[in-house]
């Protein structure tokens, strides 16, 4: 999972009985710390032994990964600042390479309000 430092998506992933491990890659440690303080119901997922939380740049992490993941979830903010690179062709090429054969990539679709 790229992003998701509030812990909510992590919590939902860990609810599935077949989930063995979730790697959450968050660029900003403070997002996790604030969630632990103000959103303890979401942040409790960080303490699950199946959660592998890594504080690093998700773009770099994916670029350095090859056939490691069954699923990659993108739980990012809008494509500005550090998240901008998550919306590039290069990132998606790297994500494809980081997936095992038959793997899935899931990302948010932003539909503008009319």
PDB file of N, CA and C in Angstrom:
ATOM      1  N   UNK A   1       0.847  -1.155   0.000  1.00  0.00           N
ATOM      2  CA  UNK A   1       0.000   0.000   0.000  1.00  0.00           C
ATOM      3  C   UNK A   1       0.906   1.235   0.000  1.00  0.00           C
ATOM      4  N   UNK A   2       0.630   2.133  -0.927  1.00  0.00           N
ATOM      5  CA  UNK A   2       1.368   3.384  -0.995  1.00  0.00           C
ATOM      6  C   UNK A   2       0.468   4.470  -0.411  1.00  0.00           C
ATOM      7  N   UNK A   3       0.933   5.134   0.627  1.00  0.00           N
ATOM      8  CA  UNK A   3       0.116   6.127   1.324  1.00  0.00           C
ATOM      9  C   UNK A   3      -0.743   5.426   2.363  1.00  0.00           C
ATOM     10  N   UNK A   4      -1.790   6.108   2.793  1.00  0.00           N
ATOM     11  CA  UNK A   4      -2.673   5.497   3.782  1.00  0.00           C
ATOM     12  C   UNK A   4      -2.164   5.617   5.201  1.00  0.00           C
ATOM     13  N   UNK A   5      -1.401   6.651   5.455  1.00  0.00           N
ATOM     14  CA  UNK A   5      -0.797   6.834   6.775  1.00  0.00           C
ATOM     15  C   UNK A   5      -1.762   7.063   7.913  1.00  0.00           C
ATOM     16  N   UNK A   6      -3.052   7.240   7.606  1.00  0.00           N
ATOM     17  CA  UNK A   6      -4.015   7.364   8.710  1.00  0.00           C
ATOM     18  C   UNK A   6      -4.376   6.003   9.286  1.00  0.00           C
ATOM     19  N   UNK A   7      -4.122   4.929   8.548  1.00  0.00           N
ATOM     20  CA  UNK A   7      -4.356   3.580   9.031  1.00  0.00           C
ATOM     21  C   UNK A   7      -5.690   2.977   8.631  1.00  0.00           C
ATOM     22  N   UNK A   8      -6.591   3.756   8.049  1.00  0.00           N
ATOM     23  CA  UNK A   8      -7.919   3.257   7.714  1.00  0.00           C
ATOM     24  C   UNK A   8      -7.923   2.162   6.666  1.00  0.00           C
ATOM     25  N   UNK A   9      -7.221   2.368   5.576  1.00  0.00           N
ATOM     26  CA  UNK A   9      -7.167   1.346   4.519  1.00  0.00           C
ATOM     27  C   UNK A   9      -6.408   0.122   5.017  1.00  0.00           C
ATOM     28  N   UNK A  10      -5.381   0.343   5.789  1.00  0.00           N
ATOM     29  CA  UNK A  10      -4.638  -0.766   6.395  1.00  0.00           C
ATOM     30  C   UNK A  10      -5.574  -1.608   7.269  1.00  0.00           C
ATOM     31  N   UNK A  11      -6.359  -0.951   8.102  1.00  0.00           N
ATOM     32  CA  UNK A  11      -7.315  -1.663   8.961  1.00  0.00           C
ATOM     33  C   UNK A  11      -8.259  -2.537   8.130  1.00  0.00           C
ATOM     34  N   UNK A  12      -8.774  -1.978   7.025  1.00  0.00           N
ATOM     35  CA  UNK A  12      -9.709  -2.730   6.189  1.00  0.00           C
ATOM     36  C   UNK A  12      -9.029  -3.908   5.497  1.00  0.00           C
ATOM     37  N   UNK A  13      -7.804  -3.737   5.060  1.00  0.00           N
ATOM     38  CA  UNK A  13      -7.071  -4.842   4.431  1.00  0.00           C
ATOM     39  C   UNK A  13      -6.834  -5.976   5.430  1.00  0.00           C
ATOM     40  N   UNK A  14      -6.511  -5.610   6.658  1.00  0.00           N
ATOM     41  CA  UNK A  14      -6.210  -6.619   7.668  1.00  0.00           C
ATOM     42  C   UNK A  14      -7.449  -7.347   8.166  1.00  0.00           C
ATOM     43  N   UNK A  15      -8.635  -6.849   7.850  1.00  0.00           N
ATOM     44  CA  UNK A  15      -9.876  -7.534   8.248  1.00  0.00           C
ATOM     45  C   UNK A  15     -10.108  -8.818   7.463  1.00  0.00           C
ATOM     46  N   UNK A  16      -9.485  -8.931   6.302  1.00  0.00           N
ATOM     47  CA  UNK A  16      -9.675 -10.123   5.460  1.00  0.00           C
ATOM     48  C   UNK A  16      -8.877 -11.283   6.056  1.00  0.00           C
ATOM     49  N   UNK A  17      -9.541 -12.403   6.318  1.00  0.00           N
ATOM     50  CA  UNK A  17      -8.884 -13.519   7.012  1.00  0.00           C
ATOM     51  C   UNK A  17      -7.662 -14.080   6.291  1.00  0.00           C
ATOM     52  N   UNK A  18      -7.621 -14.012   4.973  1.00  0.00           N
ATOM     53  CA  UNK A  18      -6.486 -14.569   4.240  1.00  0.00           C
ATOM     54  C   UNK A  18      -5.273 -13.653   4.153  1.00  0.00           C
ATOM     55  N   UNK A  19      -5.372 -12.466   4.708  1.00  0.00           N
ATOM     56  CA  UNK A  19      -4.263 -11.512   4.616  1.00  0.00           C
ATOM     57  C   UNK A  19      -3.120 -11.942   5.526  1.00  0.00           C
ATOM     58  N   UNK A  20      -1.981 -12.212   4.918  1.00  0.00           N
ATOM     59  CA  UNK A  20      -0.808 -12.632   5.674  1.00  0.00           C
ATOM     60  C   UNK A  20       0.059 -11.450   6.082  1.00  0.00           C
ATOM     61  N   UNK A  21       0.140 -10.444   5.201  1.00  0.00           N
ATOM     62  CA  UNK A  21       1.030  -9.311   5.458  1.00  0.00           C
ATOM     63  C   UNK A  21       0.585  -8.143   4.598  1.00  0.00           C
ATOM     64  N   UNK A  22       0.680  -6.945   5.152  1.00  0.00           N
ATOM     65  CA  UNK A  22       0.442  -5.726   4.386  1.00  0.00           C
ATOM     66  C   UNK A  22       1.645  -4.812   4.611  1.00  0.00           C
ATOM     67  N   UNK A  23       2.286  -4.434   3.521  1.00  0.00           N
ATOM     68  CA  UNK A  23       3.371  -3.463   3.575  1.00  0.00           C
ATOM     69  C   UNK A  23       2.755  -2.098   3.293  1.00  0.00           C
ATOM     70  N   UNK A  24       2.838  -1.201   4.263  1.00  0.00           N
ATOM     71  CA  UNK A  24       2.341   0.165   4.084  1.00  0.00           C
ATOM     72  C   UNK A  24       3.550   1.084   3.957  1.00  0.00           C
ATOM     73  N   UNK A  25       3.632   1.804   2.851  1.00  0.00           N
ATOM     74  CA  UNK A  25       4.734   2.722   2.595  1.00  0.00           C
ATOM     75  C   UNK A  25       4.193   4.140   2.685  1.00  0.00           C
ATOM     76  N   UNK A  26       4.640   4.867   3.692  1.00  0.00           N
ATOM     77  CA  UNK A  26       4.176   6.239   3.947  1.00  0.00           C
ATOM     78  C   UNK A  26       5.395   7.160   3.943  1.00  0.00           C
ATOM     79  N   UNK A  27       5.300   8.242   3.197  1.00  0.00           N
ATOM     80  CA  UNK A  27       6.435   9.162   3.080  1.00  0.00           C
ATOM     81  C   UNK A  27       6.605  10.054   4.309  1.00  0.00           C
ATOM     82  N   UNK A  28       5.531  10.265   5.061  1.00  0.00           N
ATOM     83  CA  UNK A  28       5.549  11.240   6.156  1.00  0.00           C
ATOM     84  C   UNK A  28       5.208  10.575   7.486  1.00  0.00           C
ATOM     85  N   UNK A  29       6.204  10.371   8.319  1.00  0.00           N
ATOM     86  CA  UNK A  29       6.016   9.744   9.627  1.00  0.00           C
ATOM     87  C   UNK A  29       4.994  10.501  10.475  1.00  0.00           C
ATOM     88  N   UNK A  30       4.940  11.815  10.298  1.00  0.00           N
ATOM     89  CA  UNK A  30       4.033  12.613  11.117  1.00  0.00           C
ATOM     90  C   UNK A  30       2.562  12.257  10.856  1.00  0.00           C
ATOM     91  N   UNK A  31       2.220  11.853   9.639  1.00  0.00           N
ATOM     92  CA  UNK A  31       0.845  11.445   9.339  1.00  0.00           C
ATOM     93  C   UNK A  31       0.454  10.286  10.251  1.00  0.00           C
ATOM     94  N   UNK A  32       1.340   9.333  10.421  1.00  0.00           N
ATOM     95  CA  UNK A  32       1.073   8.186  11.285  1.00  0.00           C
ATOM     96  C   UNK A  32       0.989   8.625  12.744  1.00  0.00           C
ATOM     97  N   UNK A  33       1.911   9.469  13.173  1.00  0.00           N
ATOM     98  CA  UNK A  33       1.909   9.940  14.554  1.00  0.00           C
ATOM     99  C   UNK A  33       0.637  10.713  14.891  1.00  0.00           C
ATOM    100  N   UNK A  34       0.187  11.569  13.976  1.00  0.00           N
ATOM    101  CA  UNK A  34      -1.049  12.330  14.204  1.00  0.00           C
ATOM    102  C   UNK A  34      -2.249  11.389  14.230  1.00  0.00           C
ATOM    103  N   UNK A  35      -2.266  10.407  13.358  1.00  0.00           N
ATOM    104  CA  UNK A  35      -3.352   9.439  13.354  1.00  0.00           C
ATOM    105  C   UNK A  35      -3.379   8.648  14.665  1.00  0.00           C
ATOM    106  N   UNK A  36      -2.231   8.245  15.148  1.00  0.00           N
ATOM    107  CA  UNK A  36      -2.170   7.524  16.427  1.00  0.00           C
ATOM    108  C   UNK A  36      -2.765   8.375  17.554  1.00  0.00           C
ATOM    109  N   UNK A  37      -2.503   9.646  17.505  1.00  0.00           N
ATOM    110  CA  UNK A  37      -2.976  10.542  18.582  1.00  0.00           C
ATOM    111  C   UNK A  37      -4.462  10.863  18.459  1.00  0.00           C
ATOM    112  N   UNK A  38      -4.904  11.204  17.248  1.00  0.00           N
ATOM    113  CA  UNK A  38      -6.262  11.723  17.073  1.00  0.00           C
ATOM    114  C   UNK A  38      -7.256  10.739  16.451  1.00  0.00           C
ATOM    115  N   UNK A  39      -6.762   9.668  15.841  1.00  0.00           N
ATOM    116  CA  UNK A  39      -7.640   8.679  15.205  1.00  0.00           C
ATOM    117  C   UNK A  39      -7.260   7.273  15.684  1.00  0.00           C
ATOM    118  N   UNK A  40      -7.311   7.017  16.968  1.00  0.00           N
ATOM    119  CA  UNK A  40      -6.824   5.727  17.485  1.00  0.00           C
ATOM    120  C   UNK A  40      -7.568   4.516  16.931  1.00  0.00           C
ATOM    121  N   UNK A  41      -8.826   4.676  16.552  1.00  0.00           N
ATOM    122  CA  UNK A  41      -9.564   3.555  15.973  1.00  0.00           C
ATOM    123  C   UNK A  41      -8.995   3.115  14.637  1.00  0.00           C
ATOM    124  N   UNK A  42      -8.507   4.078  13.873  1.00  0.00           N
ATOM    125  CA  UNK A  42      -7.859   3.749  12.591  1.00  0.00           C
ATOM    126  C   UNK A  42      -6.425   3.286  12.824  1.00  0.00           C
ATOM    127  N   UNK A  43      -5.737   4.004  13.691  1.00  0.00           N
ATOM    128  CA  UNK A  43      -4.304   3.769  13.892  1.00  0.00           C
ATOM    129  C   UNK A  43      -4.001   2.460  14.603  1.00  0.00           C
ATOM    130  N   UNK A  44      -4.984   1.837  15.221  1.00  0.00           N
ATOM    131  CA  UNK A  44      -4.741   0.564  15.900  1.00  0.00           C
ATOM    132  C   UNK A  44      -4.183  -0.483  14.941  1.00  0.00           C
ATOM    133  N   UNK A  45      -4.493  -0.348  13.660  1.00  0.00           N
ATOM    134  CA  UNK A  45      -4.004  -1.308  12.662  1.00  0.00           C
ATOM    135  C   UNK A  45      -2.481  -1.320  12.568  1.00  0.00           C
ATOM    136  N   UNK A  46      -1.830  -0.224  12.928  1.00  0.00           N
ATOM    137  CA  UNK A  46      -0.367  -0.176  12.859  1.00  0.00           C
ATOM    138  C   UNK A  46       0.273  -1.180  13.818  1.00  0.00           C
ATOM    139  N   UNK A  47      -0.460  -1.584  14.857  1.00  0.00           N
ATOM    140  CA  UNK A  47       0.076  -2.501  15.859  1.00  0.00           C
ATOM    141  C   UNK A  47      -0.177  -3.967  15.516  1.00  0.00           C
ATOM    142  N   UNK A  48      -0.883  -4.222  14.442  1.00  0.00           N
ATOM    143  CA  UNK A  48      -1.143  -5.596  14.014  1.00  0.00           C
ATOM    144  C   UNK A  48       0.189  -6.204  13.551  1.00  0.00           C
ATOM    145  N   UNK A  49       0.514  -7.413  13.997  1.00  0.00           N
ATOM    146  CA  UNK A  49       1.798  -8.010  13.597  1.00  0.00           C
ATOM    147  C   UNK A  49       1.924  -8.270  12.099  1.00  0.00           C
ATOM    148  N   UNK A  50       0.819  -8.245  11.364  1.00  0.00           N
ATOM    149  CA  UNK A  50       0.875  -8.436   9.911  1.00  0.00           C
ATOM    150  C   UNK A  50       1.166  -7.140   9.171  1.00  0.00           C
ATOM    151  N   UNK A  51       1.192  -6.006   9.890  1.00  0.00           N
ATOM    152  CA  UNK A  51       1.463  -4.701   9.281  1.00  0.00           C
ATOM    153  C   UNK A  51       2.962  -4.436   9.275  1.00  0.00           C
ATOM    154  N   UNK A  52       3.494  -4.179   8.106  1.00  0.00           N
ATOM    155  CA  UNK A  52       4.913  -3.839   7.925  1.00  0.00           C
ATOM    156  C   UNK A  52       4.946  -2.399   7.438  1.00  0.00           C
ATOM    157  N   UNK A  53       5.143  -1.468   8.367  1.00  0.00           N
ATOM    158  CA  UNK A  53       5.097  -0.041   8.050  1.00  0.00           C
ATOM    159  C   UNK A  53       6.504   0.452   7.736  1.00  0.00           C
ATOM    160  N   UNK A  54       6.626   1.071   6.573  1.00  0.00           N
ATOM    161  CA  UNK A  54       7.928   1.592   6.125  1.00  0.00           C
ATOM    162  C   UNK A  54       7.789   3.084   5.828  1.00  0.00           C
ATOM    163  N   UNK A  55       8.618   3.873   6.452  1.00  0.00           N
ATOM    164  CA  UNK A  55       8.612   5.315   6.231  1.00  0.00           C
ATOM    165  C   UNK A  55       9.645   5.605   5.148  1.00  0.00           C
ATOM    166  N   UNK A  56       9.131   5.770   3.933  1.00  0.00           N
ATOM    167  CA  UNK A  56       9.996   6.033   2.791  1.00  0.00           C
ATOM    168  C   UNK A  56       9.125   6.518   1.636  1.00  0.00           C
ATOM    169  N   UNK A  57       9.749   6.909   0.580  1.00  0.00           N
ATOM    170  CA  UNK A  57       9.050   7.390  -0.607  1.00  0.00           C
ATOM    171  C   UNK A  57       8.495   6.193  -1.389  1.00  0.00           C
ATOM    172  N   UNK A  58       7.181   6.144  -1.544  1.00  0.00           N
ATOM    173  CA  UNK A  58       6.540   5.038  -2.245  1.00  0.00           C
ATOM    174  C   UNK A  58       6.960   4.918  -3.693  1.00  0.00           C
ATOM    175  N   UNK A  59       7.259   6.034  -4.324  1.00  0.00           N
ATOM    176  CA  UNK A  59       7.693   6.010  -5.728  1.00  0.00           C
ATOM    177  C   UNK A  59       9.028   5.280  -5.843  1.00  0.00           C
ATOM    178  N   UNK A  60       9.935   5.593  -4.945  1.00  0.00           N
ATOM    179  CA  UNK A  60      11.242   4.932  -4.931  1.00  0.00           C
ATOM    180  C   UNK A  60      11.083   3.463  -4.549  1.00  0.00           C
ATOM    181  N   UNK A  61      10.260   3.204  -3.570  1.00  0.00           N
ATOM    182  CA  UNK A  61      10.042   1.823  -3.116  1.00  0.00           C
ATOM    183  C   UNK A  61       9.548   0.938  -4.266  1.00  0.00           C
ATOM    184  N   UNK A  62       8.576   1.411  -4.983  1.00  0.00           N
ATOM    185  CA  UNK A  62       8.038   0.637  -6.113  1.00  0.00           C
ATOM    186  C   UNK A  62       9.083   0.481  -7.214  1.00  0.00           C
ATOM    187  N   UNK A  63       9.847   1.536  -7.471  1.00  0.00           N
ATOM    188  CA  UNK A  63      10.891   1.467  -8.501  1.00  0.00           C
ATOM    189  C   UNK A  63      11.948   0.419  -8.163  1.00  0.00           C
ATOM    190  N   UNK A  64      12.142   0.147  -6.874  1.00  0.00           N
ATOM    191  CA  UNK A  64      13.170  -0.804  -6.443  1.00  0.00           C
ATOM    192  C   UNK A  64      12.609  -2.210  -6.217  1.00  0.00           C
ATOM    193  N   UNK A  65      11.340  -2.406  -6.494  1.00  0.00           N
ATOM    194  CA  UNK A  65      10.687  -3.698  -6.244  1.00  0.00           C
ATOM    195  C   UNK A  65      10.468  -4.448  -7.553  1.00  0.00           C
ATOM    196  N   UNK A  66      10.583  -5.766  -7.487  1.00  0.00           N
ATOM    197  CA  UNK A  66      10.326  -6.584  -8.673  1.00  0.00           C
ATOM    198  C   UNK A  66       9.640  -7.876  -8.265  1.00  0.00           C
ATOM    199  N   UNK A  67       8.462  -8.103  -8.809  1.00  0.00           N
ATOM    200  CA  UNK A  67       7.665  -9.310  -8.550  1.00  0.00           C
ATOM    201  C   UNK A  67       7.518  -9.606  -7.061  1.00  0.00           C
ATOM    202  N   UNK A  68       7.253  -8.558  -6.272  1.00  0.00           N
ATOM    203  CA  UNK A  68       7.149  -8.723  -4.818  1.00  0.00           C
ATOM    204  C   UNK A  68       5.720  -8.764  -4.304  1.00  0.00           C
ATOM    205  N   UNK A  69       4.777  -8.198  -5.053  1.00  0.00           N
ATOM    206  CA  UNK A  69       3.454  -7.961  -4.492  1.00  0.00           C
ATOM    207  C   UNK A  69       2.346  -8.634  -5.296  1.00  0.00           C
ATOM    208  N   UNK A  70       1.360  -9.126  -4.558  1.00  0.00           N
ATOM    209  CA  UNK A  70       0.141  -9.656  -5.178  1.00  0.00           C
ATOM    210  C   UNK A  70      -0.815  -8.519  -5.506  1.00  0.00           C
ATOM    211  N   UNK A  71      -0.831  -7.508  -4.665  1.00  0.00           N
ATOM    212  CA  UNK A  71      -1.712  -6.358  -4.816  1.00  0.00           C
ATOM    213  C   UNK A  71      -0.933  -5.109  -4.428  1.00  0.00           C
ATOM    214  N   UNK A  72      -1.117  -4.046  -5.197  1.00  0.00           N
ATOM    215  CA  UNK A  72      -0.608  -2.725  -4.817  1.00  0.00           C
ATOM    216  C   UNK A  72      -1.807  -1.802  -4.757  1.00  0.00           C
ATOM    217  N   UNK A  73      -2.031  -1.216  -3.581  1.00  0.00           N
ATOM    218  CA  UNK A  73      -3.090  -0.232  -3.389  1.00  0.00           C
ATOM    219  C   UNK A  73      -2.465   1.142  -3.290  1.00  0.00           C
ATOM    220  N   UNK A  74      -3.025   2.090  -4.006  1.00  0.00           N
ATOM    221  CA  UNK A  74      -2.573   3.473  -3.911  1.00  0.00           C
ATOM    222  C   UNK A  74      -3.618   4.228  -3.095  1.00  0.00           C
ATOM    223  N   UNK A  75      -3.213   4.735  -1.953  1.00  0.00           N
ATOM    224  CA  UNK A  75      -4.093   5.506  -1.068  1.00  0.00           C
ATOM    225  C   UNK A  75      -3.422   6.862  -0.858  1.00  0.00           C
ATOM    226  N   UNK A  76      -3.425   7.658  -1.905  1.00  0.00           N
ATOM    227  CA  UNK A  76      -2.656   8.905  -1.899  1.00  0.00           C
ATOM    228  C   UNK A  76      -3.564  10.125  -1.882  1.00  0.00           C
ATOM    229  N   UNK A  77      -2.914  11.243  -1.722  1.00  0.00           N
ATOM    230  CA  UNK A  77      -3.610  12.520  -1.858  1.00  0.00           C
ATOM    231  C   UNK A  77      -3.654  12.914  -3.335  1.00  0.00           C
ATOM    232  N   UNK A  78      -4.114  14.097  -3.600  1.00  0.00           N
ATOM    233  CA  UNK A  78      -4.196  14.587  -4.976  1.00  0.00           C
ATOM    234  C   UNK A  78      -2.806  14.677  -5.607  1.00  0.00           C
ATOM    235  N   UNK A  79      -2.736  14.707  -6.939  1.00  0.00           N
ATOM    236  CA  UNK A  79      -1.438  14.691  -7.631  1.00  0.00           C
ATOM    237  C   UNK A  79      -0.711  16.032  -7.599  1.00  0.00           C
ATOM    238  N   UNK A  80      -0.369  16.460  -6.410  1.00  0.00           N
ATOM    239  CA  UNK A  80       0.455  17.664  -6.222  1.00  0.00           C
ATOM    240  C   UNK A  80       1.509  17.345  -5.170  1.00  0.00           C
ATOM    241  N   UNK A  81       2.615  18.050  -5.219  1.00  0.00           N
ATOM    242  CA  UNK A  81       3.675  17.821  -4.245  1.00  0.00           C
ATOM    243  C   UNK A  81       4.238  16.412  -4.349  1.00  0.00           C
ATOM    244  N   UNK A  82       4.512  15.773  -3.204  1.00  0.00           N
ATOM    245  CA  UNK A  82       5.127  14.443  -3.215  1.00  0.00           C
ATOM    246  C   UNK A  82       4.291  13.380  -3.928  1.00  0.00           C
ATOM    247  N   UNK A  83       2.968  13.555  -3.973  1.00  0.00           N
ATOM    248  CA  UNK A  83       2.098  12.559  -4.619  1.00  0.00           C
ATOM    249  C   UNK A  83       2.085  12.654  -6.134  1.00  0.00           C
ATOM    250  N   UNK A  84       2.585  13.722  -6.686  1.00  0.00           N
ATOM    251  CA  UNK A  84       2.514  13.939  -8.131  1.00  0.00           C
ATOM    252  C   UNK A  84       3.106  12.775  -8.927  1.00  0.00           C
ATOM    253  N   UNK A  85       4.207  12.225  -8.441  1.00  0.00           N
ATOM    254  CA  UNK A  85       4.871  11.136  -9.150  1.00  0.00           C
ATOM    255  C   UNK A  85       4.091   9.839  -9.173  1.00  0.00           C
ATOM    256  N   UNK A  86       3.066   9.721  -8.325  1.00  0.00           N
ATOM    257  CA  UNK A  86       2.230   8.519  -8.311  1.00  0.00           C
ATOM    258  C   UNK A  86       1.251   8.482  -9.485  1.00  0.00           C
ATOM    259  N   UNK A  87       1.246   9.520 -10.263  1.00  0.00           N
ATOM    260  CA  UNK A  87       0.299   9.642 -11.378  1.00  0.00           C
ATOM    261  C   UNK A  87       1.029   9.707 -12.716  1.00  0.00           C
ATOM    262  N   UNK A  88       2.200   9.094 -12.788  1.00  0.00           N
ATOM    263  CA  UNK A  88       2.997   9.146 -14.011  1.00  0.00           C
ATOM    264  C   UNK A  88       3.071   7.775 -14.683  1.00  0.00           C
ATOM    265  N   UNK A  89       3.360   7.784 -15.952  1.00  0.00           N
ATOM    266  CA  UNK A  89       3.525   6.539 -16.707  1.00  0.00           C
ATOM    267  C   UNK A  89       4.674   5.719 -16.119  1.00  0.00           C
ATOM    268  N   UNK A  90       5.759   6.372 -15.757  1.00  0.00           N
ATOM    269  CA  UNK A  90       6.896   5.641 -15.179  1.00  0.00           C
ATOM    270  C   UNK A  90       6.499   4.908 -13.908  1.00  0.00           C
ATOM    271  N   UNK A  91       5.720   5.558 -13.049  1.00  0.00           N
ATOM    272  CA  UNK A  91       5.294   4.903 -11.815  1.00  0.00           C
ATOM    273  C   UNK A  91       4.474   3.659 -12.134  1.00  0.00           C
ATOM    274  N   UNK A  92       3.545   3.762 -13.088  1.00  0.00           N
ATOM    275  CA  UNK A  92       2.706   2.614 -13.414  1.00  0.00           C
ATOM    276  C   UNK A  92       3.518   1.496 -14.059  1.00  0.00           C
ATOM    277  N   UNK A  93       4.508   1.823 -14.837  1.00  0.00           N
ATOM    278  CA  UNK A  93       5.399   0.791 -15.394  1.00  0.00           C
ATOM    279  C   UNK A  93       6.126   0.063 -14.262  1.00  0.00           C
ATOM    280  N   UNK A  94       6.641   0.851 -13.316  1.00  0.00           N
ATOM    281  CA  UNK A  94       7.337   0.252 -12.180  1.00  0.00           C
ATOM    282  C   UNK A  94       6.396  -0.586 -11.321  1.00  0.00           C
ATOM    283  N   UNK A  95       5.162  -0.116 -11.152  1.00  0.00           N
ATOM    284  CA  UNK A  95       4.184  -0.869 -10.371  1.00  0.00           C
ATOM    285  C   UNK A  95       3.897  -2.212 -11.039  1.00  0.00           C
ATOM    286  N   UNK A  96       3.773  -2.208 -12.335  1.00  0.00           N
ATOM    287  CA  UNK A  96       3.535  -3.465 -13.061  1.00  0.00           C
ATOM    288  C   UNK A  96       4.686  -4.433 -12.824  1.00  0.00           C
ATOM    289  N   UNK A  97       5.887  -3.937 -12.850  1.00  0.00           N
ATOM    290  CA  UNK A  97       7.067  -4.773 -12.619  1.00  0.00           C
ATOM    291  C   UNK A  97       7.118  -5.274 -11.166  1.00  0.00           C
ATOM    292  N   UNK A  98       6.606  -4.469 -10.234  1.00  0.00           N
ATOM    293  CA  UNK A  98       6.625  -4.837  -8.813  1.00  0.00           C
ATOM    294  C   UNK A  98       5.589  -5.901  -8.471  1.00  0.00           C
ATOM    295  N   UNK A  99       4.610  -6.094  -9.366  1.00  0.00           N
ATOM    296  CA  UNK A  99       3.564  -7.086  -9.131  1.00  0.00           C
ATOM    297  C   UNK A  99       4.015  -8.474  -9.565  1.00  0.00           C
ATOM    298  N   UNK A 100       3.535  -9.471  -8.841  1.00  0.00           N
ATOM    299  CA  UNK A 100       3.721 -10.854  -9.273  1.00  0.00           C
ATOM    300  C   UNK A 100       2.778 -11.113 -10.447  1.00  0.00           C
ATOM    301  N   UNK A 101       3.020 -12.151 -11.234  1.00  0.00           N
ATOM    302  CA  UNK A 101       2.094 -12.479 -12.315  1.00  0.00           C
ATOM    303  C   UNK A 101       0.668 -12.630 -11.773  1.00  0.00           C
ATOM    304  N   UNK A 102      -0.279 -12.005 -12.454  1.00  0.00           N
ATOM    305  CA  UNK A 102      -1.669 -12.037 -12.022  1.00  0.00           C
ATOM    306  C   UNK A 102      -2.007 -11.042 -10.929  1.00  0.00           C
ATOM    307  N   UNK A 103      -1.036 -10.192 -10.562  1.00  0.00           N
ATOM    308  CA  UNK A 103      -1.252  -9.222  -9.489  1.00  0.00           C
ATOM    309  C   UNK A 103      -2.201  -8.103  -9.896  1.00  0.00           C
ATOM    310  N   UNK A 104      -2.661  -7.360  -8.884  1.00  0.00           N
ATOM    311  CA  UNK A 104      -3.634  -6.286  -9.081  1.00  0.00           C
ATOM    312  C   UNK A 104      -3.082  -4.954  -8.598  1.00  0.00           C
ATOM    313  N   UNK A 105      -3.420  -3.907  -9.330  1.00  0.00           N
ATOM    314  CA  UNK A 105      -3.115  -2.534  -8.943  1.00  0.00           C
ATOM    315  C   UNK A 105      -4.449  -1.816  -8.754  1.00  0.00           C
ATOM    316  N   UNK A 106      -4.612  -1.170  -7.616  1.00  0.00           N
ATOM    317  CA  UNK A 106      -5.832  -0.428  -7.334  1.00  0.00           C
ATOM    318  C   UNK A 106      -5.458   0.998  -6.988  1.00  0.00           C
ATOM    319  N   UNK A 107      -6.146   1.946  -7.626  1.00  0.00           N
ATOM    320  CA  UNK A 107      -5.868   3.344  -7.359  1.00  0.00           C
ATOM    321  C   UNK A 107      -7.156   4.134  -7.316  1.00  0.00           C
ATOM    322  N   UNK A 108      -7.145   5.264  -6.627  1.00  0.00           N
ATOM    323  CA  UNK A 108      -8.360   6.066  -6.541  1.00  0.00           C
ATOM    324  C   UNK A 108      -8.662   6.738  -7.882  1.00  0.00           C
ATOM    325  N   UNK A 109      -9.916   6.827  -8.177  1.00  0.00           N
ATOM    326  CA  UNK A 109     -10.366   7.562  -9.355  1.00  0.00           C
ATOM    327  C   UNK A 109     -11.003   8.831  -8.845  1.00  0.00           C
ATOM    328  N   UNK A 110     -10.524   9.933  -9.315  1.00  0.00           N
ATOM    329  CA  UNK A 110     -11.072  11.205  -8.888  1.00  0.00           C
ATOM    330  C   UNK A 110     -11.967  11.753  -9.994  1.00  0.00           C
ATOM    331  N   UNK A 111     -13.236  11.868  -9.689  1.00  0.00           N
ATOM    332  CA  UNK A 111     -14.201  12.377 -10.649  1.00  0.00           C
ATOM    333  C   UNK A 111     -14.596  13.776 -10.186  1.00  0.00           C
ATOM    334  N   UNK A 112     -14.355  14.765 -11.001  1.00  0.00           N
ATOM    335  CA  UNK A 112     -14.704  16.134 -10.574  1.00  0.00           C
ATOM    336  C   UNK A 112     -16.211  16.286 -10.385  1.00  0.00           C
ATOM    337  N   UNK A 113     -16.561  17.031  -9.392  1.00  0.00           N
ATOM    338  CA  UNK A 113     -17.991  17.332  -9.177  1.00  0.00           C
ATOM    339  C   UNK A 113     -18.465  18.276 -10.262  1.00  0.00           C
ATOM    340  N   UNK A 114     -19.614  18.013 -10.772  1.00  0.00           N
ATOM    341  CA  UNK A 114     -20.168  18.850 -11.848  1.00  0.00           C
ATOM    342  C   UNK A 114     -21.067  19.907 -11.272  1.00  0.00           C
TER     343      UNK A 114
END
